[in-house]
Structure formats: structure tokens, C-alpha cells
Amino acid sequence: MKTKPIAIGDYVLATKYNDGDPKDGWAIGWVGSITNHFNSIRYIIVDATGTVIGRANGFRRAKRISWEKGAWIVNHATAIEKWYSYSMWTMYRTSMENLAKLNL
């Protein structure tokens, strides 16, 4: 099943590198712009006020995320960055029911 490409205004989880290591840069917010950085697509992520989040030169990977899952990840960001040994993309694919079972 082919998905619609990420577009400006989409609410996303974005990561600095494709592997999604939580200790590297990542953000949850809206796509403010999409740029081409040395032949690599970069997603510029902004908050609700339009302020750039994290990396001014953008993130390499982004996927649409639900408000519920985005809020859960943001609320657990400190624990995720400190203790979580899996990719942010593992959390992205994990059901909310199973995320709620994590002891963070």
C-alpha cells in the first residue's frame, strides 16, 4: 500500500538519522518546510507557533503520527532519551496499548 508523501503542515515524528536512535536529534511537530540538502530531502519541523524545533537544517526521516502517540512520546521524552534502547521508529510502530505498558 502506497502512502501519501509527507507534506507541509503534516504532524510528524522526525529523526536526525534514518535509524531513529533516541539519543540523536528527533522532534514531534508540524512540517514547516521541506528542503534539499546536498541531494538529501530534509524536513524542517516547527511547533504550534511556527518556531523551528531542534535542527535548523532539518531531519532526514519523517512519518505522520497521531496526536495521541505524539503526546505520549513528548510526555516521556526525558525517559526515552535517557533509557530507551530501541529506535524511535519502534515506538512509532508500537501500539498505544503496548506503549502504555512500558515502565518509563
N, C-alpha and C. Protein backbone atom coordinates (compact mmCIF):
# COMPACT_ATOMS: atom_id res chain seq x y z
N MET A 1 0.84 -1.17 0.00
CA MET A 1 0.00 0.00 0.00
C MET A 1 0.88 1.24 0.00
N LYS A 2 0.69 2.09 -0.97
CA LYS A 2 1.49 3.29 -1.08
C LYS A 2 0.88 4.41 -0.23
N THR A 3 1.74 5.10 0.53
CA THR A 3 1.25 6.18 1.37
C THR A 3 1.51 7.52 0.71
N LYS A 4 0.70 8.49 1.09
CA LYS A 4 0.83 9.84 0.58
C LYS A 4 2.14 10.44 1.11
N PRO A 5 2.91 11.12 0.26
CA PRO A 5 4.17 11.73 0.71
C PRO A 5 3.93 12.77 1.82
N ILE A 6 4.92 12.93 2.65
CA ILE A 6 4.86 13.95 3.71
C ILE A 6 4.72 15.32 3.05
N ALA A 7 3.85 16.15 3.62
CA ALA A 7 3.61 17.48 3.06
C ALA A 7 3.71 18.54 4.16
N ILE A 8 3.91 19.77 3.76
CA ILE A 8 3.94 20.88 4.71
C ILE A 8 2.61 20.89 5.47
N GLY A 9 2.72 21.03 6.79
CA GLY A 9 1.54 21.04 7.65
C GLY A 9 1.23 19.72 8.30
N ASP A 10 1.85 18.63 7.84
CA ASP A 10 1.62 17.32 8.46
C ASP A 10 2.23 17.29 9.87
N TYR A 11 1.56 16.60 10.78
CA TYR A 11 2.05 16.39 12.14
C TYR A 11 2.88 15.11 12.11
N VAL A 12 4.16 15.20 12.49
CA VAL A 12 5.08 14.09 12.27
C VAL A 12 6.02 13.83 13.44
N LEU A 13 6.58 12.63 13.42
CA LEU A 13 7.77 12.28 14.19
C LEU A 13 8.91 12.36 13.18
N ALA A 14 9.96 13.10 13.50
CA ALA A 14 11.10 13.24 12.60
C ALA A 14 12.39 12.90 13.35
N THR A 15 13.33 12.27 12.64
CA THR A 15 14.60 11.90 13.27
C THR A 15 15.78 12.40 12.45
N LYS A 16 16.88 12.66 13.15
CA LYS A 16 18.09 13.16 12.50
C LYS A 16 18.63 12.15 11.51
N TYR A 17 18.71 10.90 11.93
CA TYR A 17 19.22 9.83 11.07
C TYR A 17 18.11 8.82 10.81
N ASN A 18 18.26 8.03 9.79
CA ASN A 18 17.24 7.05 9.43
C ASN A 18 17.03 5.97 10.49
N ASP A 19 18.06 5.68 11.31
CA ASP A 19 17.92 4.62 12.31
C ASP A 19 17.04 5.02 13.49
N GLY A 20 16.81 6.32 13.70
CA GLY A 20 15.91 6.78 14.75
C GLY A 20 16.42 6.62 16.16
N ASP A 21 17.72 6.60 16.36
CA ASP A 21 18.28 6.49 17.71
C ASP A 21 17.74 7.65 18.56
N PRO A 22 17.09 7.35 19.71
CA PRO A 22 16.51 8.42 20.52
C PRO A 22 17.54 9.35 21.15
N LYS A 23 18.81 8.94 21.14
CA LYS A 23 19.86 9.81 21.69
C LYS A 23 20.38 10.81 20.65
N ASP A 24 19.97 10.62 19.39
CA ASP A 24 20.26 11.59 18.34
C ASP A 24 19.08 12.57 18.28
N GLY A 25 19.19 13.56 17.46
CA GLY A 25 18.12 14.53 17.34
C GLY A 25 16.83 13.93 16.81
N TRP A 26 15.71 14.33 17.39
CA TRP A 26 14.39 13.95 16.93
C TRP A 26 13.41 15.02 17.36
N ALA A 27 12.26 15.05 16.72
CA ALA A 27 11.24 16.05 17.05
C ALA A 27 9.87 15.54 16.70
N ILE A 28 8.88 16.08 17.39
CA ILE A 28 7.49 15.86 17.03
C ILE A 28 6.88 17.24 16.85
N GLY A 29 6.29 17.46 15.69
CA GLY A 29 5.70 18.75 15.38
C GLY A 29 5.16 18.75 13.97
N TRP A 30 5.03 19.93 13.41
CA TRP A 30 4.48 20.09 12.07
C TRP A 30 5.60 20.35 11.07
N VAL A 31 5.44 19.84 9.87
CA VAL A 31 6.41 20.11 8.81
C VAL A 31 6.21 21.55 8.37
N GLY A 32 7.24 22.38 8.61
CA GLY A 32 7.19 23.78 8.23
C GLY A 32 7.66 24.00 6.81
N SER A 33 8.65 23.19 6.41
CA SER A 33 9.15 23.24 5.03
C SER A 33 9.92 21.97 4.74
N ILE A 34 10.13 21.74 3.47
CA ILE A 34 10.90 20.58 3.02
C ILE A 34 11.99 21.12 2.12
N THR A 35 13.24 20.77 2.42
CA THR A 35 14.37 21.30 1.67
C THR A 35 15.19 20.17 1.07
N ASN A 36 16.11 20.54 0.20
CA ASN A 36 17.05 19.60 -0.38
C ASN A 36 18.43 20.03 0.09
N HIS A 37 19.06 19.18 0.90
CA HIS A 37 20.36 19.47 1.48
C HIS A 37 21.37 18.48 0.91
N PHE A 38 22.20 18.92 -0.04
CA PHE A 38 23.17 18.04 -0.69
C PHE A 38 22.51 16.76 -1.22
N ASN A 39 21.46 16.94 -2.00
CA ASN A 39 20.70 15.84 -2.62
C ASN A 39 20.01 14.92 -1.61
N SER A 40 19.71 15.44 -0.45
CA SER A 40 19.00 14.69 0.58
C SER A 40 17.81 15.53 1.04
N ILE A 41 16.62 14.93 1.01
CA ILE A 41 15.42 15.63 1.48
C ILE A 41 15.54 15.84 2.99
N ARG A 42 15.24 17.06 3.43
CA ARG A 42 15.24 17.38 4.86
C ARG A 42 13.90 18.01 5.23
N TYR A 43 13.39 17.62 6.37
CA TYR A 43 12.13 18.13 6.88
C TYR A 43 12.42 19.12 8.00
N ILE A 44 11.97 20.36 7.83
CA ILE A 44 12.10 21.38 8.86
C ILE A 44 10.84 21.30 9.71
N ILE A 45 11.01 21.02 11.00
CA ILE A 45 9.88 20.80 11.90
C ILE A 45 9.67 22.04 12.77
N VAL A 46 8.41 22.42 12.92
CA VAL A 46 8.07 23.61 13.71
C VAL A 46 7.05 23.26 14.77
N ASP A 47 6.99 24.11 15.80
CA ASP A 47 5.97 23.94 16.83
C ASP A 47 4.71 24.70 16.42
N ALA A 48 3.74 24.78 17.32
CA ALA A 48 2.45 25.42 17.01
C ALA A 48 2.58 26.91 16.69
N THR A 49 3.67 27.53 17.14
CA THR A 49 3.87 28.96 16.86
C THR A 49 4.68 29.20 15.59
N GLY A 50 5.15 28.11 14.96
CA GLY A 50 5.94 28.24 13.75
C GLY A 50 7.44 28.33 13.99
N THR A 51 7.85 28.16 15.25
CA THR A 51 9.27 28.18 15.60
C THR A 51 9.92 26.84 15.27
N VAL A 52 11.08 26.88 14.63
CA VAL A 52 11.79 25.65 14.26
C VAL A 52 12.17 24.89 15.53
N ILE A 53 11.92 23.58 15.50
CA ILE A 53 12.27 22.69 16.60
C ILE A 53 13.55 21.95 16.26
N GLY A 54 14.48 21.92 17.19
CA GLY A 54 15.67 21.09 17.03
C GLY A 54 16.64 21.57 15.97
N ARG A 55 16.71 20.88 14.88
CA ARG A 55 17.73 21.08 13.86
C ARG A 55 17.29 22.08 12.80
N ALA A 56 18.01 23.18 12.71
CA ALA A 56 17.68 24.21 11.72
C ALA A 56 17.88 23.69 10.30
N ASN A 57 18.79 22.72 10.12
CA ASN A 57 18.99 22.19 8.76
C ASN A 57 18.17 20.93 8.51
N GLY A 58 17.24 20.63 9.39
CA GLY A 58 16.24 19.62 9.15
C GLY A 58 16.56 18.20 9.58
N PHE A 59 15.57 17.36 9.40
CA PHE A 59 15.64 15.95 9.77
C PHE A 59 15.54 15.10 8.51
N ARG A 60 16.26 13.99 8.50
CA ARG A 60 16.31 13.13 7.31
C ARG A 60 15.08 12.26 7.12
N ARG A 61 14.41 11.89 8.20
CA ARG A 61 13.28 10.97 8.09
C ARG A 61 12.10 11.53 8.88
N ALA A 62 10.92 11.41 8.31
CA ALA A 62 9.70 11.86 8.98
C ALA A 62 8.54 10.97 8.59
N LYS A 63 7.66 10.74 9.55
CA LYS A 63 6.43 9.96 9.32
C LYS A 63 5.29 10.63 10.08
N ARG A 64 4.11 10.65 9.45
CA ARG A 64 2.94 11.17 10.13
C ARG A 64 2.70 10.37 11.40
N ILE A 65 2.24 11.06 12.44
CA ILE A 65 1.99 10.41 13.72
C ILE A 65 0.66 10.93 14.28
N SER A 66 -0.01 10.11 15.06
CA SER A 66 -1.27 10.54 15.66
C SER A 66 -0.99 11.51 16.81
N TRP A 67 -1.99 12.34 17.10
CA TRP A 67 -1.85 13.26 18.23
C TRP A 67 -1.60 12.50 19.52
N GLU A 68 -2.33 11.40 19.70
CA GLU A 68 -2.23 10.61 20.93
C GLU A 68 -0.81 10.06 21.11
N LYS A 69 -0.27 9.45 20.06
CA LYS A 69 1.07 8.88 20.17
C LYS A 69 2.12 9.99 20.30
N GLY A 70 1.94 11.08 19.56
CA GLY A 70 2.87 12.21 19.66
C GLY A 70 2.92 12.75 21.07
N ALA A 71 1.75 12.93 21.69
CA ALA A 71 1.69 13.44 23.07
C ALA A 71 2.36 12.47 24.04
N TRP A 72 2.14 11.17 23.85
CA TRP A 72 2.75 10.17 24.74
C TRP A 72 4.27 10.26 24.65
N ILE A 73 4.79 10.32 23.44
CA ILE A 73 6.24 10.38 23.26
C ILE A 73 6.81 11.66 23.87
N VAL A 74 6.17 12.79 23.62
CA VAL A 74 6.64 14.07 24.18
C VAL A 74 6.61 14.02 25.70
N ASN A 75 5.54 13.48 26.28
CA ASN A 75 5.43 13.40 27.75
C ASN A 75 6.46 12.48 28.38
N HIS A 76 7.01 11.56 27.61
CA HIS A 76 8.00 10.61 28.12
C HIS A 76 9.39 10.85 27.52
N ALA A 77 9.60 12.03 26.94
CA ALA A 77 10.84 12.32 26.21
C ALA A 77 12.10 12.14 27.05
N THR A 78 12.10 12.62 28.28
CA THR A 78 13.30 12.53 29.12
C THR A 78 13.68 11.06 29.36
N ALA A 79 12.70 10.25 29.71
CA ALA A 79 12.97 8.83 29.95
C ALA A 79 13.39 8.12 28.67
N ILE A 80 12.75 8.46 27.57
CA ILE A 80 13.09 7.83 26.29
C ILE A 80 14.54 8.13 25.94
N GLU A 81 14.93 9.39 26.02
CA GLU A 81 16.30 9.77 25.66
C GLU A 81 17.33 9.18 26.61
N LYS A 82 16.96 9.00 27.86
CA LYS A 82 17.92 8.50 28.85
C LYS A 82 18.02 6.98 28.86
N TRP A 83 16.88 6.29 28.74
CA TRP A 83 16.86 4.85 28.97
C TRP A 83 16.48 4.00 27.79
N TYR A 84 15.76 4.52 26.83
CA TYR A 84 15.20 3.69 25.77
C TYR A 84 16.30 3.22 24.83
N SER A 85 16.38 1.91 24.61
CA SER A 85 17.45 1.35 23.79
C SER A 85 16.99 0.97 22.39
N TYR A 86 15.74 1.27 22.05
CA TYR A 86 15.20 0.96 20.74
C TYR A 86 15.08 2.22 19.90
N SER A 87 14.85 2.05 18.65
CA SER A 87 14.67 3.14 17.71
C SER A 87 13.37 3.89 18.00
N MET A 88 13.35 5.18 17.67
CA MET A 88 12.11 5.95 17.74
C MET A 88 11.08 5.34 16.80
N TRP A 89 11.57 4.68 15.75
CA TRP A 89 10.67 4.05 14.79
C TRP A 89 10.01 2.81 15.36
N THR A 90 10.64 2.17 16.35
CA THR A 90 10.00 1.06 17.05
C THR A 90 8.81 1.60 17.85
N MET A 91 9.00 2.73 18.52
CA MET A 91 7.89 3.33 19.26
C MET A 91 6.78 3.77 18.31
N TYR A 92 7.16 4.28 17.17
CA TYR A 92 6.20 4.70 16.15
C TYR A 92 5.30 3.53 15.73
N ARG A 93 5.90 2.35 15.59
CA ARG A 93 5.15 1.17 15.15
C ARG A 93 4.42 0.46 16.29
N THR A 94 4.77 0.76 17.53
CA THR A 94 4.18 0.09 18.70
C THR A 94 2.79 0.66 18.99
N SER A 95 1.86 -0.20 19.30
CA SER A 95 0.50 0.25 19.61
C SER A 95 0.49 1.09 20.88
N MET A 96 -0.52 1.96 21.00
CA MET A 96 -0.65 2.77 22.20
C MET A 96 -0.83 1.88 23.42
N GLU A 97 -1.54 0.78 23.26
CA GLU A 97 -1.76 -0.16 24.37
C GLU A 97 -0.43 -0.68 24.89
N ASN A 98 0.47 -1.06 23.99
CA ASN A 98 1.76 -1.58 24.42
C ASN A 98 2.70 -0.46 24.91
N LEU A 99 2.59 0.74 24.34
CA LEU A 99 3.40 1.86 24.86
C LEU A 99 3.02 2.14 26.31
N ALA A 100 1.73 2.08 26.61
CA ALA A 100 1.25 2.36 27.96
C ALA A 100 1.80 1.36 28.97
N LYS A 101 2.18 0.16 28.50
CA LYS A 101 2.72 -0.88 29.39
C LYS A 101 4.20 -0.66 29.71
N LEU A 102 4.88 0.21 28.92
CA LEU A 102 6.30 0.44 29.18
C LEU A 102 6.47 1.12 30.53
N ASN A 103 7.46 0.72 31.26
CA ASN A 103 7.73 1.30 32.58
C ASN A 103 8.76 2.40 32.44
N LEU A 104 8.34 3.56 31.91
CA LEU A 104 9.27 4.68 31.73
C LEU A 104 9.09 5.69 32.84
